[in-house]
Amino acid sequence: MNKQGKVLLSSMALMLTVTACSDSSSKQTVKEVPSTSTPKPAAAGSKASDVPLTVKILKGSSNINLQAPLFDYIFEKTNVKIQLELVTTNFEQKAQTIIATNSLPDIMEVAYGKQMYVDGAKNGLFLPISDYMSDAPNLAKIMKENKEIAKNNIDGKIYSFPKLGAWKLQLAQGAMIRYDLLEELGLEAPKTFDDLYKVLKKFKEKYPNSIPYTGRENAFNLLKPLAFAMGSGNRIYYDPNIEGGKYVYGQAHPEFKPVLEFMSKLFKEKLLDPDYAVNTADAMKEKLASGRSLFYYDNNSFGVNFNEALKPINPKARFELLPLMKNDRGQTRGWMYKKDWMHNIVISSKTKNPHELVRFLDWFYGEEGTRATAYGVEGVNYKMENGKPVILDSVLQKYAQMKDPFRNMQTDLATGFEQLALNVDEHPMVETSAPELVKWKDMITTEKGYVYEVVAPPFTNDELSRLKTLQSKVDTLVDQEMDKFIIGVRPVSDFDKFSQQLIDSGALEIEKIYNEANQRYLKQ
């Protein structure tokens, strides 16, 4: 890519720019839009703004091609020019600072499920989108069909444009194994977790210098998919198999003990990476891509890049997605990634152009905006065939030999989830990805037992306050002790005592708050 086509902003320059462009004087009061006000509707077929408008958008991203034709196309269709400011590192921390100091740009991204989003909404920093819904017909239509979006409401109001999934190449937190080694050693694919243990043990015997099972960053990431698959869950989670669906705090119940017994056995026998708790994502990926590690339970799409990296080392080497394994409770189950990401795109309540900015963001949910932010510009990046968009051969060829064709293409075109899309259409991934990714998608979407991760229900102010207090105690205890159990510093025989400690600290009250909030939401 042309170097001039990429802009990476330093943190200091970003903060100076954001502060300068925002009306953040300490004497400035936050102007609230009265809920009784009647929004000015947009004329049918009109652009978002009658006159050219420049908006400053703050976004966390490592790289976007700011010279992509898509930016000019968006301006042509909406009359809004995007001035994008990228935060390449520590975006959450910077967003927290900006919200705390009330120095918002026109539009900014706030990750889902963060307290700063709740605080910003309650303190009047964000424009209440629900007061402008006549300017957002595309989002309103989607909300009628997708009730999950309402879980993001604060005090019954919408304060953000959520990042949604129009169509996803479904991924999961799946069990990925070096299938060529199963074939080489004459082993069957594991059907239970005891089978998995035996397979990993065989791998270690045959390849003593290998790390059969690896993970990344900490026990939370290791346990989230595994605990659910084994019949429990990590921290507070929604269990569809309990009483027709119920929130449960995993470590507060005896069903979690077998998970720790399994992981502690793997660690003791050197089948689990001794560095799992400190591995960065890159460190984990290096071990799998180099052939040092042979199994992981995480994002199945990683396997595509590992397979490509392994080819020069061993042309037969390949990771494959295992069918769901049966747990001790007779269940086969696994997490699919959420249908919607629900990241929040918020508008500053100080904006002088609320109607225009609402109409602008709503454009991204319509057919025109959804297609453009998936494929780019017609005639430049794609063409229409039989009423459907198809990526141009010249574009496909440009990225075909790259390590990650799809994500490199998205970076250049400024399309997709990581770039500008709000209603994400992942059909282009099918055209640019390895065939095994499509095969795995079909396995995930057709195999009985895979379920979507569930978005937490909306809570009242009192519930949020109480949860903050409780979870700071209970989650901290869990995070402090899980690694100790796994690596053997604390014996698993102590689990019952530990579980009671969590209950005494409020784990069951956390469950109660979640379940009451969920029942209230379901009755709406």
Protein backbone atom coordinates (compact mmCIF):
# COMPACT_ATOMS: atom_id res chain seq x y z
CA MET A 1 0.00 0.00 0.00
CA ASN A 2 1.16 3.58 -0.71
CA LYS A 3 2.69 4.88 2.51
CA GLN A 4 0.89 8.16 2.02
CA GLY A 5 -2.33 6.20 2.16
CA LYS A 6 -1.83 5.24 5.77
CA VAL A 7 -1.77 7.58 8.71
CA LEU A 8 -0.76 6.59 12.21
CA LEU A 9 -1.31 9.28 14.79
CA SER A 10 0.76 9.52 17.93
CA SER A 11 -1.10 9.52 21.22
CA MET A 12 0.03 13.05 22.08
CA ALA A 13 -0.97 14.48 18.74
CA LEU A 14 -4.31 12.73 19.02
CA MET A 15 -5.07 14.12 22.44
CA LEU A 16 -4.10 17.64 21.39
CA THR A 17 -6.24 17.39 18.29
CA VAL A 18 -9.26 16.00 20.10
CA THR A 19 -9.04 18.61 22.82
CA ALA A 20 -8.63 21.40 20.31
CA CYS A 21 -11.54 20.32 18.16
CA SER A 22 -13.94 19.74 21.06
CA ASP A 23 -15.84 22.46 22.85
CA SER A 24 -14.40 21.42 26.20
CA SER A 25 -14.10 24.65 28.15
CA SER A 26 -14.54 24.05 31.86
CA LYS A 27 -17.23 26.73 31.82
CA GLN A 28 -19.21 24.96 29.14
CA THR A 29 -22.24 23.10 30.39
CA VAL A 30 -23.55 19.98 28.72
CA LYS A 31 -26.58 20.81 26.66
CA GLU A 32 -29.24 18.15 26.99
CA VAL A 33 -31.86 17.54 24.36
CA PRO A 34 -35.24 17.59 26.11
CA SER A 35 -37.12 14.33 25.72
CA THR A 36 -40.20 16.35 24.84
CA SER A 37 -38.55 17.98 21.85
CA THR A 38 -39.79 17.00 18.42
CA PRO A 39 -36.91 16.03 16.12
CA LYS A 40 -36.73 17.50 12.66
CA PRO A 41 -37.38 14.61 10.25
CA ALA A 42 -35.20 14.08 7.21
CA ALA A 43 -36.76 14.50 3.81
CA ALA A 44 -37.20 11.24 1.94
CA GLY A 45 -34.17 10.52 -0.23
CA SER A 46 -32.25 13.55 1.06
CA LYS A 47 -28.65 13.53 2.21
CA ALA A 48 -27.74 13.58 5.89
CA SER A 49 -26.83 17.26 5.67
CA ASP A 50 -28.11 19.99 3.35
CA VAL A 51 -24.68 21.64 3.36
CA PRO A 52 -21.21 20.03 3.40
CA LEU A 53 -20.30 19.04 6.94
CA THR A 54 -17.04 17.79 8.45
CA VAL A 55 -17.24 15.48 11.46
CA LYS A 56 -14.40 14.39 13.70
CA ILE A 57 -14.55 10.72 14.64
CA LEU A 58 -12.36 9.11 17.30
CA LYS A 59 -11.72 5.42 16.74
CA GLY A 60 -9.44 2.72 18.08
CA SER A 61 -7.60 1.07 15.20
CA SER A 62 -4.05 0.17 14.27
CA ASN A 63 -4.38 1.21 10.65
CA ILE A 64 -6.92 2.44 8.12
CA ASN A 65 -6.19 3.69 4.63
CA LEU A 66 -7.39 7.26 4.92
CA GLN A 67 -7.08 7.68 1.15
CA ALA A 68 -9.53 4.86 0.38
CA PRO A 69 -12.16 5.83 -2.24
CA LEU A 70 -14.83 4.90 0.30
CA PHE A 71 -14.36 8.19 2.16
CA ASP A 72 -15.18 10.22 -0.96
CA TYR A 73 -18.13 7.93 -1.70
CA ILE A 74 -19.54 8.47 1.79
CA PHE A 75 -19.22 12.22 1.34
CA GLU A 76 -20.97 12.00 -2.05
CA LYS A 77 -23.90 10.11 -0.55
CA THR A 78 -24.27 11.91 2.79
CA ASN A 79 -22.64 15.34 2.32
CA VAL A 80 -20.56 14.53 5.40
CA LYS A 81 -16.78 14.46 5.30
CA ILE A 82 -15.08 12.19 7.83
CA GLN A 83 -12.04 13.47 9.69
CA LEU A 84 -10.85 10.27 11.31
CA GLU A 85 -8.57 10.22 14.33
CA LEU A 86 -7.02 6.86 15.12
CA VAL A 87 -5.84 5.66 18.51
CA THR A 88 -3.30 2.92 17.88
CA THR A 89 -2.66 1.85 21.49
CA ASN A 90 -4.51 1.97 24.83
CA PHE A 91 -7.71 3.16 23.20
CA GLU A 92 -9.89 2.22 26.18
CA GLN A 93 -7.72 4.27 28.53
CA LYS A 94 -7.82 7.28 26.20
CA ALA A 95 -11.58 6.98 25.76
CA GLN A 96 -11.95 6.88 29.54
CA THR A 97 -9.92 10.09 29.87
CA ILE A 98 -11.89 11.85 27.16
CA ILE A 99 -15.21 10.92 28.76
CA ALA A 100 -13.99 11.82 32.25
CA THR A 101 -12.89 15.27 31.04
CA ASN A 102 -15.94 15.80 28.81
CA SER A 103 -13.75 16.49 25.78
CA LEU A 104 -15.58 14.37 23.23
CA PRO A 105 -15.14 14.87 19.49
CA ASP A 106 -18.30 14.88 17.35
CA ILE A 107 -18.46 11.08 17.26
CA MET A 108 -16.47 8.42 19.09
CA GLU A 109 -16.38 4.70 19.68
CA VAL A 110 -16.95 3.21 23.15
CA ALA A 111 -16.57 -0.52 23.71
CA TYR A 112 -19.64 -2.49 24.80
CA GLY A 113 -20.14 -3.33 28.45
CA LYS A 114 -17.87 -0.63 29.86
CA GLN A 115 -18.82 1.50 32.86
CA MET A 116 -17.61 4.61 31.06
CA TYR A 117 -20.44 4.18 28.54
CA VAL A 118 -23.01 4.06 31.34
CA ASP A 119 -21.39 7.02 33.10
CA GLY A 120 -21.21 9.07 29.90
CA ALA A 121 -24.87 8.45 29.14
CA LYS A 122 -26.07 9.19 32.67
CA ASN A 123 -24.00 12.36 32.90
CA GLY A 124 -25.44 13.78 29.69
CA LEU A 125 -22.28 13.54 27.58
CA PHE A 126 -23.90 11.50 24.80
CA LEU A 127 -26.76 12.55 22.55
CA PRO A 128 -29.92 10.53 23.40
CA ILE A 129 -30.55 8.88 20.03
CA SER A 130 -34.05 7.84 21.09
CA ASP A 131 -35.05 11.53 20.92
CA TYR A 132 -34.09 11.54 17.23
CA MET A 133 -35.45 8.23 15.97
CA SER A 134 -37.37 9.88 13.12
CA ASP A 135 -33.91 10.70 11.74
CA ALA A 136 -32.86 7.04 12.05
CA PRO A 137 -35.36 4.93 10.06
CA ASN A 138 -32.81 2.24 9.16
CA LEU A 139 -31.79 1.62 12.76
CA ALA A 140 -35.43 1.79 13.89
CA LYS A 141 -36.34 -0.95 11.40
CA ILE A 142 -33.52 -3.20 12.58
CA MET A 143 -34.45 -2.64 16.23
CA LYS A 144 -37.97 -3.91 15.59
CA GLU A 145 -36.48 -7.20 14.41
CA ASN A 146 -33.54 -7.40 16.82
CA LYS A 147 -34.71 -7.03 20.41
CA GLU A 148 -31.20 -7.64 21.80
CA ILE A 149 -30.25 -4.07 20.90
CA ALA A 150 -32.52 -2.78 23.67
CA LYS A 151 -30.22 -4.42 26.23
CA ASN A 152 -27.84 -1.56 25.58
CA ASN A 153 -30.37 1.07 26.67
CA ILE A 154 -29.60 3.28 29.67
CA ASP A 155 -32.63 4.24 31.76
CA GLY A 156 -34.84 3.20 28.85
CA LYS A 157 -33.07 5.39 26.29
CA ILE A 158 -30.79 4.70 23.33
CA TYR A 159 -27.50 6.56 23.54
CA SER A 160 -25.50 4.90 20.79
CA PHE A 161 -25.47 3.44 17.33
CA PRO A 162 -24.47 -0.19 17.95
CA LYS A 163 -22.13 -2.20 15.75
CA LEU A 164 -24.31 -5.00 14.39
CA GLY A 165 -23.91 -8.11 12.26
CA ALA A 166 -25.93 -7.94 9.04
CA TRP A 167 -24.40 -11.26 7.97
CA LYS A 168 -21.54 -13.10 9.63
CA LEU A 169 -19.18 -15.82 8.56
CA GLN A 170 -19.90 -17.42 11.90
CA LEU A 171 -16.90 -18.08 14.11
CA ALA A 172 -16.69 -19.83 17.46
CA GLN A 173 -14.42 -20.44 20.39
CA GLY A 174 -13.65 -23.89 19.08
CA ALA A 175 -11.35 -26.82 19.79
CA MET A 176 -8.67 -26.69 17.07
CA ILE A 177 -6.23 -29.58 16.69
CA ARG A 178 -3.38 -30.63 14.41
CA TYR A 179 -5.47 -33.15 12.51
CA ASP A 180 -2.53 -34.36 10.43
CA LEU A 181 -0.90 -35.62 13.63
CA LEU A 182 -4.03 -37.55 14.57
CA GLU A 183 -3.79 -39.26 11.18
CA GLU A 184 -0.04 -39.79 11.46
CA LEU A 185 -0.37 -41.46 14.87
CA GLY A 186 -3.49 -43.42 13.95
CA LEU A 187 -5.59 -41.64 16.58
CA GLU A 188 -9.31 -40.94 16.41
CA ALA A 189 -10.55 -37.40 16.87
CA PRO A 190 -11.44 -37.00 20.56
CA LYS A 191 -15.14 -37.30 21.32
CA THR A 192 -14.91 -36.58 25.05
CA PHE A 193 -12.60 -34.54 27.24
CA ASP A 194 -11.02 -37.71 28.56
CA ASP A 195 -10.29 -38.60 24.93
CA LEU A 196 -8.72 -35.17 24.49
CA TYR A 197 -6.45 -35.75 27.48
CA LYS A 198 -5.31 -39.08 26.02
CA VAL A 199 -4.63 -37.52 22.61
CA LEU A 200 -2.60 -34.68 24.12
CA LYS A 201 -0.64 -37.24 26.13
CA LYS A 202 0.13 -39.18 22.94
CA PHE A 203 1.27 -35.96 21.27
CA LYS A 204 3.67 -35.29 24.15
CA GLU A 205 5.05 -38.83 24.06
CA LYS A 206 5.69 -38.65 20.32
CA TYR A 207 6.93 -35.04 20.34
CA PRO A 208 8.50 -34.49 23.80
CA ASN A 209 9.65 -30.95 22.96
CA SER A 210 6.16 -29.86 21.96
CA ILE A 211 3.64 -27.85 23.97
CA PRO A 212 0.46 -29.82 23.23
CA TYR A 213 -2.08 -27.23 24.49
CA THR A 214 -1.52 -23.48 24.56
CA GLY A 215 -3.58 -20.40 25.37
CA ARG A 216 -3.20 -16.67 25.74
CA GLU A 217 -3.03 -13.95 28.34
CA ASN A 218 -4.62 -15.49 31.43
CA ALA A 219 -6.89 -18.07 32.99
CA PHE A 220 -9.98 -16.08 31.98
CA ASN A 221 -9.34 -16.64 28.27
CA LEU A 222 -8.34 -20.24 28.85
CA LEU A 223 -11.39 -21.10 30.94
CA LYS A 224 -14.16 -19.21 29.15
CA PRO A 225 -14.65 -21.65 26.25
CA LEU A 226 -13.43 -24.76 28.06
CA ALA A 227 -15.57 -24.37 31.20
CA PHE A 228 -18.73 -23.89 29.15
CA ALA A 229 -17.95 -26.89 26.96
CA MET A 230 -17.34 -29.01 30.06
CA GLY A 231 -20.75 -28.12 31.55
CA SER A 232 -20.03 -25.05 33.65
CA GLY A 233 -18.89 -21.51 32.89
CA ASN A 234 -16.40 -18.85 33.89
CA ARG A 235 -17.59 -16.10 36.25
CA ILE A 236 -21.17 -14.95 35.61
CA TYR A 237 -22.55 -16.47 32.42
CA TYR A 238 -25.85 -17.48 30.83
CA ASP A 239 -26.44 -21.23 30.87
CA PRO A 240 -29.17 -22.34 28.44
CA ASN A 241 -29.28 -25.82 30.01
CA ILE A 242 -30.30 -24.74 33.52
CA GLU A 243 -34.03 -24.21 34.17
CA GLY A 244 -34.63 -23.24 30.56
CA GLY A 245 -31.95 -20.57 30.66
CA LYS A 246 -30.43 -18.90 33.69
CA TYR A 247 -27.47 -16.75 34.74
CA VAL A 248 -25.01 -18.66 36.91
CA TYR A 249 -21.72 -17.78 38.58
CA GLY A 250 -19.64 -20.75 37.45
CA GLN A 251 -17.04 -20.98 40.21
CA ALA A 252 -19.74 -20.81 42.91
CA HIS A 253 -21.07 -24.24 41.89
CA PRO A 254 -19.66 -27.79 42.11
CA GLU A 255 -19.91 -28.27 38.32
CA PHE A 256 -16.81 -26.11 37.95
CA LYS A 257 -14.57 -28.43 39.95
CA PRO A 258 -14.05 -30.96 37.11
CA VAL A 259 -12.82 -28.10 34.92
CA LEU A 260 -10.05 -27.30 37.39
CA GLU A 261 -9.24 -30.99 37.87
CA PHE A 262 -8.84 -31.36 34.11
CA MET A 263 -6.68 -28.25 33.65
CA SER A 264 -4.54 -28.97 36.70
CA LYS A 265 -3.87 -32.49 35.39
CA LEU A 266 -2.83 -31.12 32.01
CA PHE A 267 -0.48 -28.62 33.64
CA LYS A 268 1.08 -31.19 35.98
CA GLU A 269 1.79 -33.57 33.10
CA LYS A 270 3.26 -30.77 30.94
CA LEU A 271 0.44 -30.99 28.42
CA LEU A 272 -0.61 -27.37 29.03
CA ASP A 273 1.68 -24.49 28.14
CA PRO A 274 3.53 -23.45 31.33
CA ASP A 275 3.37 -19.87 30.06
CA TYR A 276 -0.37 -19.81 29.28
CA ALA A 277 -1.01 -17.10 31.88
CA VAL A 278 1.58 -14.68 30.48
CA ASN A 279 1.42 -15.52 26.78
CA THR A 280 0.46 -12.55 24.67
CA ALA A 281 -1.82 -13.27 21.74
CA ASP A 282 1.22 -13.03 19.47
CA ALA A 283 3.21 -15.47 21.61
CA MET A 284 0.39 -18.01 21.50
CA LYS A 285 0.05 -17.62 17.74
CA GLU A 286 3.80 -18.02 17.19
CA LYS A 287 3.79 -21.34 19.03
CA LEU A 288 0.91 -22.66 16.96
CA ALA A 289 2.17 -21.28 13.64
CA SER A 290 5.66 -22.73 14.17
CA GLY A 291 4.48 -26.23 15.06
CA ARG A 292 5.56 -26.06 18.70
CA SER A 293 1.96 -26.19 19.95
CA LEU A 294 -0.63 -28.59 18.63
CA PHE A 295 -4.00 -27.68 20.15
CA TYR A 296 -5.89 -24.56 21.23
CA TYR A 297 -9.44 -23.71 22.36
CA ASP A 298 -10.07 -20.21 21.00
CA ASN A 299 -11.11 -18.36 17.85
CA ASN A 300 -11.31 -21.01 15.14
CA SER A 301 -10.42 -18.53 12.38
CA PHE A 302 -6.84 -18.33 13.72
CA GLY A 303 -6.35 -21.79 12.27
CA VAL A 304 -6.36 -20.46 8.70
CA ASN A 305 -3.21 -18.41 9.29
CA PHE A 306 -1.55 -21.23 11.23
CA ASN A 307 -2.17 -23.62 8.34
CA GLU A 308 -0.62 -21.19 5.88
CA ALA A 309 2.41 -20.63 8.12
CA LEU A 310 2.93 -24.38 8.62
CA LYS A 311 2.99 -25.28 4.90
CA PRO A 312 6.71 -24.52 4.35
CA ILE A 313 7.55 -26.56 7.46
CA ASN A 314 5.24 -29.48 6.70
CA PRO A 315 2.95 -29.47 3.64
CA LYS A 316 0.63 -31.96 5.36
CA ALA A 317 0.26 -29.94 8.56
CA ARG A 318 -3.21 -28.59 9.20
CA PHE A 319 -5.43 -27.47 12.03
CA GLU A 320 -9.04 -28.59 11.91
CA LEU A 321 -12.08 -27.75 14.02
CA LEU A 322 -13.12 -30.68 16.17
CA PRO A 323 -16.80 -31.57 16.53
CA LEU A 324 -18.11 -30.64 19.96
CA MET A 325 -16.89 -33.05 22.63
CA LYS A 326 -19.29 -34.64 25.13
CA ASN A 327 -18.82 -33.58 28.74
CA ASP A 328 -19.42 -35.60 31.91
CA ARG A 329 -23.03 -34.35 32.03
CA GLY A 330 -23.73 -35.83 28.59
CA GLN A 331 -23.83 -32.42 26.92
CA THR A 332 -22.13 -31.21 23.76
CA ARG A 333 -21.99 -27.44 23.69
CA GLY A 334 -19.85 -24.48 22.71
CA TRP A 335 -19.85 -20.70 22.36
CA MET A 336 -20.45 -18.99 19.05
CA TYR A 337 -19.35 -15.38 18.95
CA LYS A 338 -22.22 -12.94 19.39
CA LYS A 339 -24.30 -12.17 16.33
CA ASP A 340 -23.79 -8.49 17.08
CA TRP A 341 -20.73 -6.83 18.56
CA MET A 342 -22.76 -4.03 20.19
CA HIS A 343 -19.79 -1.63 20.30
CA ASN A 344 -21.18 1.85 20.89
CA ILE A 345 -20.81 4.73 18.45
CA VAL A 346 -21.84 7.84 20.37
CA ILE A 347 -22.51 11.44 19.37
CA SER A 348 -21.40 14.26 21.65
CA SER A 349 -24.37 16.01 23.27
CA LYS A 350 -22.57 19.30 22.53
CA THR A 351 -22.96 18.88 18.79
CA LYS A 352 -24.60 21.74 16.93
CA ASN A 353 -25.79 19.30 14.26
CA PRO A 354 -27.67 16.53 16.08
CA HIS A 355 -30.16 15.78 13.28
CA GLU A 356 -27.44 15.67 10.64
CA LEU A 357 -25.16 13.38 12.65
CA VAL A 358 -27.99 11.00 13.49
CA ARG A 359 -28.99 10.83 9.81
CA PHE A 360 -25.33 10.36 8.87
CA LEU A 361 -24.79 7.36 11.16
CA ASP A 362 -28.15 5.89 10.23
CA TRP A 363 -27.04 5.82 6.58
CA PHE A 364 -24.54 3.09 7.49
CA TYR A 365 -27.41 0.71 8.39
CA GLY A 366 -29.23 1.09 5.08
CA GLU A 367 -28.67 -1.07 2.02
CA GLU A 368 -26.38 1.49 0.41
CA GLY A 369 -24.25 2.08 3.51
CA THR A 370 -24.08 -1.60 4.47
CA ARG A 371 -22.89 -2.60 0.99
CA ALA A 372 -20.36 0.22 0.71
CA THR A 373 -18.78 -0.54 4.08
CA ALA A 374 -18.54 -4.22 3.13
CA TYR A 375 -17.31 -4.01 -0.47
CA GLY A 376 -16.11 -0.45 -1.06
CA VAL A 377 -17.05 1.52 -4.18
CA GLU A 378 -18.84 -0.05 -7.14
CA GLY A 379 -16.69 -0.10 -10.26
CA VAL A 380 -13.55 0.50 -8.21
CA ASN A 381 -13.60 -2.39 -5.74
CA TYR A 382 -16.56 -4.52 -6.81
CA LYS A 383 -19.18 -5.05 -9.50
CA MET A 384 -22.80 -6.20 -9.47
CA GLU A 385 -23.63 -9.62 -10.96
CA ASN A 386 -27.19 -10.95 -10.92
CA GLY A 387 -28.10 -8.35 -8.34
CA LYS A 388 -25.26 -9.27 -5.97
CA PRO A 389 -21.93 -7.53 -5.28
CA VAL A 390 -18.80 -9.40 -6.37
CA ILE A 391 -15.25 -8.29 -5.59
CA LEU A 392 -13.28 -7.40 -8.72
CA ASP A 393 -10.67 -9.96 -9.81
CA SER A 394 -8.02 -7.26 -9.80
CA VAL A 395 -8.74 -6.58 -6.13
CA LEU A 396 -8.69 -10.27 -5.19
CA GLN A 397 -5.40 -10.80 -7.02
CA LYS A 398 -3.79 -7.87 -5.22
CA TYR A 399 -4.24 -9.54 -1.82
CA ALA A 400 -4.22 -13.23 -2.78
CA GLN A 401 -0.61 -13.87 -1.76
CA MET A 402 -0.72 -11.91 1.48
CA LYS A 403 -0.65 -13.60 4.87
CA ASP A 404 -4.18 -12.48 5.71
CA PRO A 405 -5.89 -11.44 2.44
CA PHE A 406 -9.25 -10.50 3.95
CA ARG A 407 -7.99 -8.21 6.70
CA ASN A 408 -5.37 -6.60 4.47
CA MET A 409 -8.06 -5.87 1.90
CA GLN A 410 -10.34 -4.40 4.55
CA THR A 411 -7.57 -2.14 5.82
CA ASP A 412 -6.90 -0.80 2.32
CA LEU A 413 -10.57 -0.37 1.42
CA ALA A 414 -11.54 0.95 4.91
CA THR A 415 -14.32 -1.64 5.00
CA GLY A 416 -15.56 -4.12 7.57
CA PHE A 417 -15.82 -4.43 11.34
CA GLU A 418 -12.41 -2.98 12.20
CA GLN A 419 -12.87 -0.03 9.86
CA LEU A 420 -16.06 1.92 9.08
CA ALA A 421 -18.92 -0.60 9.02
CA LEU A 422 -21.74 -0.35 11.57
CA ASN A 423 -23.98 -3.03 10.03
CA VAL A 424 -21.26 -5.54 9.24
CA ASP A 425 -21.67 -7.78 6.19
CA GLU A 426 -18.95 -10.44 6.08
CA HIS A 427 -19.80 -11.92 2.67
CA PRO A 428 -16.49 -10.55 1.29
CA MET A 429 -14.71 -12.84 3.74
CA VAL A 430 -16.10 -15.83 1.83
CA GLU A 431 -14.50 -14.60 -1.40
CA THR A 432 -11.11 -13.89 0.15
CA SER A 433 -10.69 -16.58 2.80
CA ALA A 434 -9.40 -20.12 2.72
CA PRO A 435 -12.08 -22.75 1.99
CA GLU A 436 -11.66 -24.37 5.40
CA LEU A 437 -13.05 -21.25 7.07
CA VAL A 438 -16.30 -21.67 5.16
CA LYS A 439 -16.30 -25.39 6.01
CA TRP A 440 -15.86 -24.59 9.69
CA LYS A 441 -18.64 -22.01 9.51
CA ASP A 442 -20.98 -24.71 8.20
CA MET A 443 -19.96 -27.03 11.05
CA ILE A 444 -20.59 -24.33 13.64
CA THR A 445 -23.99 -23.27 12.31
CA THR A 446 -25.34 -26.78 11.76
CA GLU A 447 -23.94 -28.74 14.71
CA LYS A 448 -26.34 -29.06 17.61
CA GLY A 449 -24.91 -27.55 20.77
CA TYR A 450 -23.38 -24.31 19.58
CA VAL A 451 -25.09 -21.28 21.12
CA TYR A 452 -24.55 -17.54 20.82
CA GLU A 453 -22.89 -15.69 23.65
CA VAL A 454 -25.66 -13.72 25.34
CA VAL A 455 -25.66 -9.96 25.82
CA ALA A 456 -26.22 -9.02 29.47
CA PRO A 457 -29.65 -7.55 30.30
CA PRO A 458 -30.13 -3.85 31.12
CA PHE A 459 -29.81 -3.01 34.81
CA THR A 460 -31.27 -0.30 37.03
CA ASN A 461 -29.00 2.28 38.67
CA ASP A 462 -29.20 0.47 41.99
CA GLU A 463 -28.39 -2.86 40.35
CA LEU A 464 -25.40 -1.40 38.54
CA SER A 465 -24.08 0.09 41.75
CA ARG A 466 -24.53 -3.14 43.66
CA LEU A 467 -22.99 -5.24 40.88
CA LYS A 468 -19.96 -2.98 40.79
CA THR A 469 -19.40 -3.58 44.50
CA LEU A 470 -20.06 -7.32 44.38
CA GLN A 471 -18.08 -8.10 41.26
CA SER A 472 -15.07 -6.14 42.43
CA LYS A 473 -14.91 -8.64 45.31
CA VAL A 474 -15.99 -11.88 43.66
CA ASP A 475 -14.31 -11.49 40.26
CA THR A 476 -11.09 -10.40 41.94
CA LEU A 477 -11.09 -13.54 44.10
CA VAL A 478 -11.63 -15.69 41.02
CA ASP A 479 -8.87 -13.98 39.06
CA GLN A 480 -6.45 -14.33 41.98
CA GLU A 481 -7.06 -18.03 42.57
CA MET A 482 -7.72 -19.69 39.18
CA ASP A 483 -4.07 -19.79 38.14
CA LYS A 484 -3.11 -21.11 41.58
CA PHE A 485 -5.48 -24.06 41.16
CA ILE A 486 -4.31 -24.77 37.62
CA ILE A 487 -0.56 -24.68 38.28
CA GLY A 488 -0.86 -26.59 41.57
CA VAL A 489 0.03 -23.86 44.06
CA ARG A 490 -3.39 -24.44 45.58
CA PRO A 491 -4.82 -28.01 45.56
CA VAL A 492 -8.10 -28.59 43.74
CA SER A 493 -9.32 -30.26 46.93
CA ASP A 494 -9.65 -26.69 48.28
CA PHE A 495 -12.25 -25.84 45.65
CA ASP A 496 -15.31 -26.45 47.86
CA LYS A 497 -13.93 -24.04 50.47
CA PHE A 498 -13.11 -21.51 47.75
CA SER A 499 -16.58 -21.84 46.23
CA GLN A 500 -18.15 -21.11 49.61
CA GLN A 501 -15.90 -18.06 49.94
CA LEU A 502 -17.33 -16.76 46.66
CA ILE A 503 -20.87 -17.37 47.89
CA ASP A 504 -20.10 -15.55 51.14
CA SER A 505 -18.71 -12.65 49.07
CA GLY A 506 -21.90 -12.32 47.03
CA ALA A 507 -21.70 -14.67 44.02
CA LEU A 508 -25.31 -15.82 44.42
CA GLU A 509 -26.49 -12.23 44.80
CA ILE A 510 -24.80 -11.46 41.46
CA GLU A 511 -26.81 -14.32 39.95
CA LYS A 512 -30.01 -12.98 41.51
CA ILE A 513 -29.49 -9.47 40.11
CA TYR A 514 -28.73 -10.80 36.62
CA ASN A 515 -31.72 -13.14 36.57
CA GLU A 516 -34.17 -10.55 37.90
CA ALA A 517 -32.94 -8.03 35.32
CA ASN A 518 -33.24 -10.63 32.57
CA GLN A 519 -36.79 -11.57 33.56
CA ARG A 520 -37.73 -7.91 33.60
CA TYR A 521 -36.26 -7.47 30.13
CA LEU A 522 -38.07 -10.55 28.76
CA LYS A 523 -41.42 -9.19 29.95
CA GLN A 524 -41.03 -5.90 28.07
